[in-house]
Amino acid sequence: MPARNILQDWLLEALMAHGGGATIIQVCKHIWENHENELHASGSLFYTWQYDVRWAAQKLRNSGKMKPVHGSKSSMWELV
């Protein structure tokens, strides 16, 4: 059963699959298409994962792996 922290890995995977940047919809679609079974088996994470992916994005921003969104006119989430 995946834990909340796995979402950081899945988010990085989704962004890399989209050339380093994607909208949140593209990210969530990628995660669902590639990890649906794990999400179904994840217990309560199944009900919160779309919220928790935003938490994962903030963690990645704080660690310098994703660009900040402050003042960004783009709705893209991007790797550094």
PDB file of N, CA and C in Angstrom:
ATOM      1  N   MET A   1       0.845  -1.172   0.000  1.00  0.00           N
ATOM      2  CA  MET A   1       0.000   0.000   0.000  1.00  0.00           C
ATOM      3  C   MET A   1       0.894   1.240   0.000  1.00  0.00           C
ATOM      4  N   PRO A   2       0.760   2.101  -0.995  1.00  0.00           N
ATOM      5  CA  PRO A   2       1.627   3.285  -1.057  1.00  0.00           C
ATOM      6  C   PRO A   2       1.274   4.299   0.030  1.00  0.00           C
ATOM      7  N   ALA A   3       2.287   4.984   0.510  1.00  0.00           N
ATOM      8  CA  ALA A   3       2.104   6.048   1.485  1.00  0.00           C
ATOM      9  C   ALA A   3       2.102   7.388   0.761  1.00  0.00           C
ATOM     10  N   ARG A   4       1.692   8.404   1.462  1.00  0.00           N
ATOM     11  CA  ARG A   4       1.582   9.754   0.909  1.00  0.00           C
ATOM     12  C   ARG A   4       2.881  10.206   0.233  1.00  0.00           C
ATOM     13  N   ASN A   5       4.024   9.830   0.781  1.00  0.00           N
ATOM     14  CA  ASN A   5       5.318  10.273   0.236  1.00  0.00           C
ATOM     15  C   ASN A   5       5.577   9.779  -1.177  1.00  0.00           C
ATOM     16  N   ILE A   6       4.950   8.663  -1.576  1.00  0.00           N
ATOM     17  CA  ILE A   6       5.160   8.130  -2.929  1.00  0.00           C
ATOM     18  C   ILE A   6       4.665   9.116  -3.985  1.00  0.00           C
ATOM     19  N   LEU A   7       3.756   9.997  -3.598  1.00  0.00           N
ATOM     20  CA  LEU A   7       3.222  10.961  -4.560  1.00  0.00           C
ATOM     21  C   LEU A   7       4.307  11.890  -5.103  1.00  0.00           C
ATOM     22  N   GLN A   8       5.334  12.154  -4.328  1.00  0.00           N
ATOM     23  CA  GLN A   8       6.437  12.970  -4.840  1.00  0.00           C
ATOM     24  C   GLN A   8       7.121  12.267  -6.006  1.00  0.00           C
ATOM     25  N   ASP A   9       7.350  10.984  -5.863  1.00  0.00           N
ATOM     26  CA  ASP A   9       7.963  10.211  -6.947  1.00  0.00           C
ATOM     27  C   ASP A   9       7.050  10.172  -8.170  1.00  0.00           C
ATOM     28  N   TRP A  10       5.776   9.940  -7.936  1.00  0.00           N
ATOM     29  CA  TRP A  10       4.820   9.864  -9.045  1.00  0.00           C
ATOM     30  C   TRP A  10       4.677  11.215  -9.738  1.00  0.00           C
ATOM     31  N   LEU A  11       4.739  12.290  -8.978  1.00  0.00           N
ATOM     32  CA  LEU A  11       4.669  13.628  -9.544  1.00  0.00           C
ATOM     33  C   LEU A  11       5.890  13.905 -10.414  1.00  0.00           C
ATOM     34  N   LEU A  12       7.075  13.567  -9.911  1.00  0.00           N
ATOM     35  CA  LEU A  12       8.287  13.731 -10.719  1.00  0.00           C
ATOM     36  C   LEU A  12       8.204  12.911 -11.998  1.00  0.00           C
ATOM     37  N   GLU A  13       7.722  11.686 -11.875  1.00  0.00           N
ATOM     38  CA  GLU A  13       7.542  10.802 -13.039  1.00  0.00           C
ATOM     39  C   GLU A  13       6.610  11.449 -14.063  1.00  0.00           C
ATOM     40  N   ALA A  14       5.507  12.008 -13.600  1.00  0.00           N
ATOM     41  CA  ALA A  14       4.536  12.645 -14.498  1.00  0.00           C
ATOM     42  C   ALA A  14       5.145  13.853 -15.199  1.00  0.00           C
ATOM     43  N   LEU A  15       5.867  14.680 -14.447  1.00  0.00           N
ATOM     44  CA  LEU A  15       6.480  15.862 -15.059  1.00  0.00           C
ATOM     45  C   LEU A  15       7.539  15.472 -16.083  1.00  0.00           C
ATOM     46  N   MET A  16       8.338  14.466 -15.771  1.00  0.00           N
ATOM     47  CA  MET A  16       9.353  14.008 -16.729  1.00  0.00           C
ATOM     48  C   MET A  16       8.696  13.425 -17.979  1.00  0.00           C
ATOM     49  N   ALA A  17       7.588  12.733 -17.813  1.00  0.00           N
ATOM     50  CA  ALA A  17       6.880  12.150 -18.954  1.00  0.00           C
ATOM     51  C   ALA A  17       6.309  13.232 -19.861  1.00  0.00           C
ATOM     52  N   HIS A  18       6.103  14.418 -19.311  1.00  0.00           N
ATOM     53  CA  HIS A  18       5.574  15.540 -20.085  1.00  0.00           C
ATOM     54  C   HIS A  18       6.669  16.559 -20.426  1.00  0.00           C
ATOM     55  N   GLY A  19       7.899  16.112 -20.457  1.00  0.00           N
ATOM     56  CA  GLY A  19       8.993  16.988 -20.876  1.00  0.00           C
ATOM     57  C   GLY A  19       9.431  17.997 -19.833  1.00  0.00           C
ATOM     58  N   GLY A  20       9.088  17.768 -18.565  1.00  0.00           N
ATOM     59  CA  GLY A  20       9.543  18.656 -17.500  1.00  0.00           C
ATOM     60  C   GLY A  20       8.508  19.629 -16.993  1.00  0.00           C
ATOM     61  N   GLY A  21       7.340  19.673 -17.637  1.00  0.00           N
ATOM     62  CA  GLY A  21       6.295  20.576 -17.191  1.00  0.00           C
ATOM     63  C   GLY A  21       4.929  20.106 -17.636  1.00  0.00           C
ATOM     64  N   ALA A  22       3.939  20.312 -16.776  1.00  0.00           N
ATOM     65  CA  ALA A  22       2.580  19.875 -17.093  1.00  0.00           C
ATOM     66  C   ALA A  22       1.603  20.638 -16.214  1.00  0.00           C
ATOM     67  N   THR A  23       0.361  20.663 -16.637  1.00  0.00           N
ATOM     68  CA  THR A  23      -0.688  21.231 -15.796  1.00  0.00           C
ATOM     69  C   THR A  23      -1.039  20.215 -14.721  1.00  0.00           C
ATOM     70  N   ILE A  24      -1.711  20.662 -13.691  1.00  0.00           N
ATOM     71  CA  ILE A  24      -2.110  19.742 -12.638  1.00  0.00           C
ATOM     72  C   ILE A  24      -3.048  18.667 -13.184  1.00  0.00           C
ATOM     73  N   ILE A  25      -3.866  19.021 -14.152  1.00  0.00           N
ATOM     74  CA  ILE A  25      -4.770  18.029 -14.757  1.00  0.00           C
ATOM     75  C   ILE A  25      -3.953  16.959 -15.471  1.00  0.00           C
ATOM     76  N   GLN A  26      -2.937  17.360 -16.219  1.00  0.00           N
ATOM     77  CA  GLN A  26      -2.085  16.386 -16.896  1.00  0.00           C
ATOM     78  C   GLN A  26      -1.345  15.507 -15.888  1.00  0.00           C
ATOM     79  N   VAL A  27      -0.889  16.108 -14.797  1.00  0.00           N
ATOM     80  CA  VAL A  27      -0.183  15.358 -13.757  1.00  0.00           C
ATOM     81  C   VAL A  27      -1.121  14.320 -13.145  1.00  0.00           C
ATOM     82  N   CYS A  28      -2.308  14.740 -12.751  1.00  0.00           N
ATOM     83  CA  CYS A  28      -3.251  13.823 -12.106  1.00  0.00           C
ATOM     84  C   CYS A  28      -3.699  12.729 -13.075  1.00  0.00           C
ATOM     85  N   LYS A  29      -3.902  13.087 -14.314  1.00  0.00           N
ATOM     86  CA  LYS A  29      -4.287  12.080 -15.315  1.00  0.00           C
ATOM     87  C   LYS A  29      -3.175  11.043 -15.477  1.00  0.00           C
ATOM     88  N   HIS A  30      -1.938  11.507 -15.534  1.00  0.00           N
ATOM     89  CA  HIS A  30      -0.802  10.591 -15.660  1.00  0.00           C
ATOM     90  C   HIS A  30      -0.722   9.655 -14.451  1.00  0.00           C
ATOM     91  N   ILE A  31      -0.855  10.230 -13.264  1.00  0.00           N
ATOM     92  CA  ILE A  31      -0.799   9.407 -12.056  1.00  0.00           C
ATOM     93  C   ILE A  31      -1.914   8.371 -12.071  1.00  0.00           C
ATOM     94  N   TRP A  32      -3.120   8.780 -12.416  1.00  0.00           N
ATOM     95  CA  TRP A  32      -4.243   7.840 -12.447  1.00  0.00           C
ATOM     96  C   TRP A  32      -4.014   6.733 -13.475  1.00  0.00           C
ATOM     97  N   GLU A  33      -3.572   7.102 -14.659  1.00  0.00           N
ATOM     98  CA  GLU A  33      -3.377   6.117 -15.727  1.00  0.00           C
ATOM     99  C   GLU A  33      -2.250   5.132 -15.416  1.00  0.00           C
ATOM    100  N   ASN A  34      -1.273   5.554 -14.636  1.00  0.00           N
ATOM    101  CA  ASN A  34      -0.116   4.704 -14.362  1.00  0.00           C
ATOM    102  C   ASN A  34      -0.104   4.067 -12.976  1.00  0.00           C
ATOM    103  N   HIS A  35      -0.957   4.543 -12.078  1.00  0.00           N
ATOM    104  CA  HIS A  35      -0.917   4.050 -10.698  1.00  0.00           C
ATOM    105  C   HIS A  35      -2.314   3.803 -10.118  1.00  0.00           C
ATOM    106  N   GLU A  36      -3.280   3.613 -10.978  1.00  0.00           N
ATOM    107  CA  GLU A  36      -4.658   3.401 -10.515  1.00  0.00           C
ATOM    108  C   GLU A  36      -4.759   2.234  -9.531  1.00  0.00           C
ATOM    109  N   ASN A  37      -4.129   1.120  -9.852  1.00  0.00           N
ATOM    110  CA  ASN A  37      -4.212  -0.051  -8.975  1.00  0.00           C
ATOM    111  C   ASN A  37      -3.621   0.224  -7.603  1.00  0.00           C
ATOM    112  N   GLU A  38      -2.473   0.907  -7.578  1.00  0.00           N
ATOM    113  CA  GLU A  38      -1.860   1.243  -6.296  1.00  0.00           C
ATOM    114  C   GLU A  38      -2.739   2.199  -5.497  1.00  0.00           C
ATOM    115  N   LEU A  39      -3.375   3.139  -6.197  1.00  0.00           N
ATOM    116  CA  LEU A  39      -4.266   4.072  -5.513  1.00  0.00           C
ATOM    117  C   LEU A  39      -5.469   3.349  -4.913  1.00  0.00           C
ATOM    118  N   HIS A  40      -6.036   2.418  -5.675  1.00  0.00           N
ATOM    119  CA  HIS A  40      -7.171   1.648  -5.156  1.00  0.00           C
ATOM    120  C   HIS A  40      -6.780   0.862  -3.907  1.00  0.00           C
ATOM    121  N   ALA A  41      -5.554   0.421  -3.845  1.00  0.00           N
ATOM    122  CA  ALA A  41      -5.082  -0.391  -2.719  1.00  0.00           C
ATOM    123  C   ALA A  41      -4.506   0.452  -1.581  1.00  0.00           C
ATOM    124  N   SER A  42      -4.580   1.758  -1.688  1.00  0.00           N
ATOM    125  CA  SER A  42      -3.861   2.632  -0.763  1.00  0.00           C
ATOM    126  C   SER A  42      -4.629   3.007   0.498  1.00  0.00           C
ATOM    127  N   GLY A  43      -5.800   2.479   0.694  1.00  0.00           N
ATOM    128  CA  GLY A  43      -6.570   2.857   1.882  1.00  0.00           C
ATOM    129  C   GLY A  43      -7.091   4.276   1.754  1.00  0.00           C
ATOM    130  N   SER A  44      -6.889   5.064   2.790  1.00  0.00           N
ATOM    131  CA  SER A  44      -7.452   6.419   2.802  1.00  0.00           C
ATOM    132  C   SER A  44      -6.797   7.351   1.785  1.00  0.00           C
ATOM    133  N   LEU A  45      -5.578   7.053   1.344  1.00  0.00           N
ATOM    134  CA  LEU A  45      -4.932   7.879   0.321  1.00  0.00           C
ATOM    135  C   LEU A  45      -5.770   7.928  -0.948  1.00  0.00           C
ATOM    136  N   PHE A  46      -6.512   6.857  -1.226  1.00  0.00           N
ATOM    137  CA  PHE A  46      -7.365   6.821  -2.410  1.00  0.00           C
ATOM    138  C   PHE A  46      -8.330   8.006  -2.430  1.00  0.00           C
ATOM    139  N   TYR A  47      -8.788   8.418  -1.269  1.00  0.00           N
ATOM    140  CA  TYR A  47      -9.784   9.488  -1.181  1.00  0.00           C
ATOM    141  C   TYR A  47      -9.171  10.879  -1.119  1.00  0.00           C
ATOM    142  N   THR A  48      -7.869  10.964  -0.906  1.00  0.00           N
ATOM    143  CA  THR A  48      -7.229  12.278  -0.739  1.00  0.00           C
ATOM    144  C   THR A  48      -6.091  12.546  -1.717  1.00  0.00           C
ATOM    145  N   TRP A  49      -5.789  11.614  -2.599  1.00  0.00           N
ATOM    146  CA  TRP A  49      -4.555  11.728  -3.377  1.00  0.00           C
ATOM    147  C   TRP A  49      -4.505  12.974  -4.250  1.00  0.00           C
ATOM    148  N   GLN A  50      -5.639  13.463  -4.767  1.00  0.00           N
ATOM    149  CA  GLN A  50      -5.574  14.659  -5.609  1.00  0.00           C
ATOM    150  C   GLN A  50      -5.268  15.907  -4.787  1.00  0.00           C
ATOM    151  N   TYR A  51      -5.663  15.923  -3.539  1.00  0.00           N
ATOM    152  CA  TYR A  51      -5.237  16.986  -2.630  1.00  0.00           C
ATOM    153  C   TYR A  51      -3.762  16.786  -2.274  1.00  0.00           C
ATOM    154  N   ASP A  52      -3.423  15.560  -1.937  1.00  0.00           N
ATOM    155  CA  ASP A  52      -2.065  15.256  -1.486  1.00  0.00           C
ATOM    156  C   ASP A  52      -1.014  15.479  -2.564  1.00  0.00           C
ATOM    157  N   VAL A  53      -1.385  15.410  -3.829  1.00  0.00           N
ATOM    158  CA  VAL A  53      -0.411  15.671  -4.892  1.00  0.00           C
ATOM    159  C   VAL A  53       0.010  17.146  -4.861  1.00  0.00           C
ATOM    160  N   ARG A  54      -0.873  18.004  -4.390  1.00  0.00           N
ATOM    161  CA  ARG A  54      -0.511  19.414  -4.225  1.00  0.00           C
ATOM    162  C   ARG A  54       0.501  19.568  -3.078  1.00  0.00           C
ATOM    163  N   TRP A  55       0.303  18.793  -2.011  1.00  0.00           N
ATOM    164  CA  TRP A  55       1.264  18.754  -0.905  1.00  0.00           C
ATOM    165  C   TRP A  55       2.621  18.286  -1.438  1.00  0.00           C
ATOM    166  N   ALA A  56       2.603  17.244  -2.270  1.00  0.00           N
ATOM    167  CA  ALA A  56       3.837  16.705  -2.836  1.00  0.00           C
ATOM    168  C   ALA A  56       4.540  17.763  -3.690  1.00  0.00           C
ATOM    169  N   ALA A  57       3.769  18.528  -4.456  1.00  0.00           N
ATOM    170  CA  ALA A  57       4.362  19.588  -5.282  1.00  0.00           C
ATOM    171  C   ALA A  57       5.040  20.630  -4.406  1.00  0.00           C
ATOM    172  N   GLN A  58       4.406  20.992  -3.306  1.00  0.00           N
ATOM    173  CA  GLN A  58       5.019  21.982  -2.417  1.00  0.00           C
ATOM    174  C   GLN A  58       6.303  21.439  -1.800  1.00  0.00           C
ATOM    175  N   LYS A  59       6.310  20.175  -1.413  1.00  0.00           N
ATOM    176  CA  LYS A  59       7.522  19.558  -0.881  1.00  0.00           C
ATOM    177  C   LYS A  59       8.647  19.606  -1.917  1.00  0.00           C
ATOM    178  N   LEU A  60       8.313  19.329  -3.175  1.00  0.00           N
ATOM    179  CA  LEU A  60       9.316  19.351  -4.242  1.00  0.00           C
ATOM    180  C   LEU A  60       9.797  20.772  -4.515  1.00  0.00           C
ATOM    181  N   ARG A  61       8.913  21.748  -4.387  1.00  0.00           N
ATOM    182  CA  ARG A  61       9.337  23.148  -4.530  1.00  0.00           C
ATOM    183  C   ARG A  61      10.290  23.517  -3.394  1.00  0.00           C
ATOM    184  N   ASN A  62       9.924  23.126  -2.179  1.00  0.00           N
ATOM    185  CA  ASN A  62      10.760  23.442  -1.017  1.00  0.00           C
ATOM    186  C   ASN A  62      12.147  22.810  -1.120  1.00  0.00           C
ATOM    187  N   SER A  63      12.229  21.665  -1.765  1.00  0.00           N
ATOM    188  CA  SER A  63      13.522  20.985  -1.904  1.00  0.00           C
ATOM    189  C   SER A  63      14.293  21.448  -3.142  1.00  0.00           C
ATOM    190  N   GLY A  64      13.702  22.360  -3.921  1.00  0.00           N
ATOM    191  CA  GLY A  64      14.381  22.903  -5.093  1.00  0.00           C
ATOM    192  C   GLY A  64      14.269  22.064  -6.350  1.00  0.00           C
ATOM    193  N   LYS A  65      13.395  21.076  -6.355  1.00  0.00           N
ATOM    194  CA  LYS A  65      13.243  20.220  -7.535  1.00  0.00           C
ATOM    195  C   LYS A  65      12.196  20.741  -8.518  1.00  0.00           C
ATOM    196  N   MET A  66      11.295  21.573  -8.013  1.00  0.00           N
ATOM    197  CA  MET A  66      10.285  22.194  -8.875  1.00  0.00           C
ATOM    198  C   MET A  66      10.401  23.703  -8.776  1.00  0.00           C
ATOM    199  N   LYS A  67      10.043  24.362  -9.849  1.00  0.00           N
ATOM    200  CA  LYS A  67      10.051  25.822  -9.862  1.00  0.00           C
ATOM    201  C   LYS A  67       8.918  26.350  -8.984  1.00  0.00           C
ATOM    202  N   PRO A  68       9.140  27.480  -8.329  1.00  0.00           N
ATOM    203  CA  PRO A  68       8.059  28.087  -7.553  1.00  0.00           C
ATOM    204  C   PRO A  68       6.976  28.606  -8.494  1.00  0.00           C
ATOM    205  N   VAL A  69       5.790  28.788  -7.956  1.00  0.00           N
ATOM    206  CA  VAL A  69       4.691  29.294  -8.772  1.00  0.00           C
ATOM    207  C   VAL A  69       4.391  30.750  -8.480  1.00  0.00           C
ATOM    208  N   HIS A  70       5.133  31.364  -7.565  1.00  0.00           N
ATOM    209  CA  HIS A  70       4.914  32.763  -7.202  1.00  0.00           C
ATOM    210  C   HIS A  70       5.028  33.659  -8.430  1.00  0.00           C
ATOM    211  N   GLY A  71       3.973  34.389  -8.722  1.00  0.00           N
ATOM    212  CA  GLY A  71       4.008  35.320  -9.827  1.00  0.00           C
ATOM    213  C   GLY A  71       3.977  34.679 -11.196  1.00  0.00           C
ATOM    214  N   SER A  72       3.852  33.381 -11.250  1.00  0.00           N
ATOM    215  CA  SER A  72       3.829  32.693 -12.532  1.00  0.00           C
ATOM    216  C   SER A  72       2.502  32.928 -13.229  1.00  0.00           C
ATOM    217  N   LYS A  73       2.567  33.283 -14.483  1.00  0.00           N
ATOM    218  CA  LYS A  73       1.352  33.472 -15.268  1.00  0.00           C
ATOM    219  C   LYS A  73       0.907  32.144 -15.873  1.00  0.00           C
ATOM    220  N   SER A  74       1.749  31.170 -15.794  1.00  0.00           N
ATOM    221  CA  SER A  74       1.475  29.851 -16.351  1.00  0.00           C
ATOM    222  C   SER A  74       0.840  28.970 -15.286  1.00  0.00           C
ATOM    223  N   SER A  75      -0.043  28.112 -15.731  1.00  0.00           N
ATOM    224  CA  SER A  75      -0.618  27.144 -14.802  1.00  0.00           C
ATOM    225  C   SER A  75       0.178  25.837 -14.830  1.00  0.00           C
ATOM    226  N   MET A  76       1.383  25.924 -15.366  1.00  0.00           N
ATOM    227  CA  MET A  76       2.238  24.741 -15.483  1.00  0.00           C
ATOM    228  C   MET A  76       3.014  24.512 -14.192  1.00  0.00           C
ATOM    229  N   TRP A  77       3.145  23.248 -13.846  1.00  0.00           N
ATOM    230  CA  TRP A  77       4.071  22.830 -12.807  1.00  0.00           C
ATOM    231  C   TRP A  77       5.324  22.406 -13.550  1.00  0.00           C
ATOM    232  N   GLU A  78       6.472  22.930 -13.113  1.00  0.00           N
ATOM    233  CA  GLU A  78       7.698  22.680 -13.863  1.00  0.00           C
ATOM    234  C   GLU A  78       8.845  22.241 -12.969  1.00  0.00           C
ATOM    235  N   LEU A  79       9.668  21.350 -13.531  1.00  0.00           N
ATOM    236  CA  LEU A  79      10.899  20.953 -12.863  1.00  0.00           C
ATOM    237  C   LEU A  79      11.922  22.059 -13.018  1.00  0.00           C
ATOM    238  N   VAL A  80      12.861  22.117 -12.105  1.00  0.00           N
ATOM    239  CA  VAL A  80      13.949  23.106 -12.188  1.00  0.00           C
ATOM    240  C   VAL A  80      14.904  22.662 -13.261  1.00  0.00           C
TER     241      VAL A  80
END
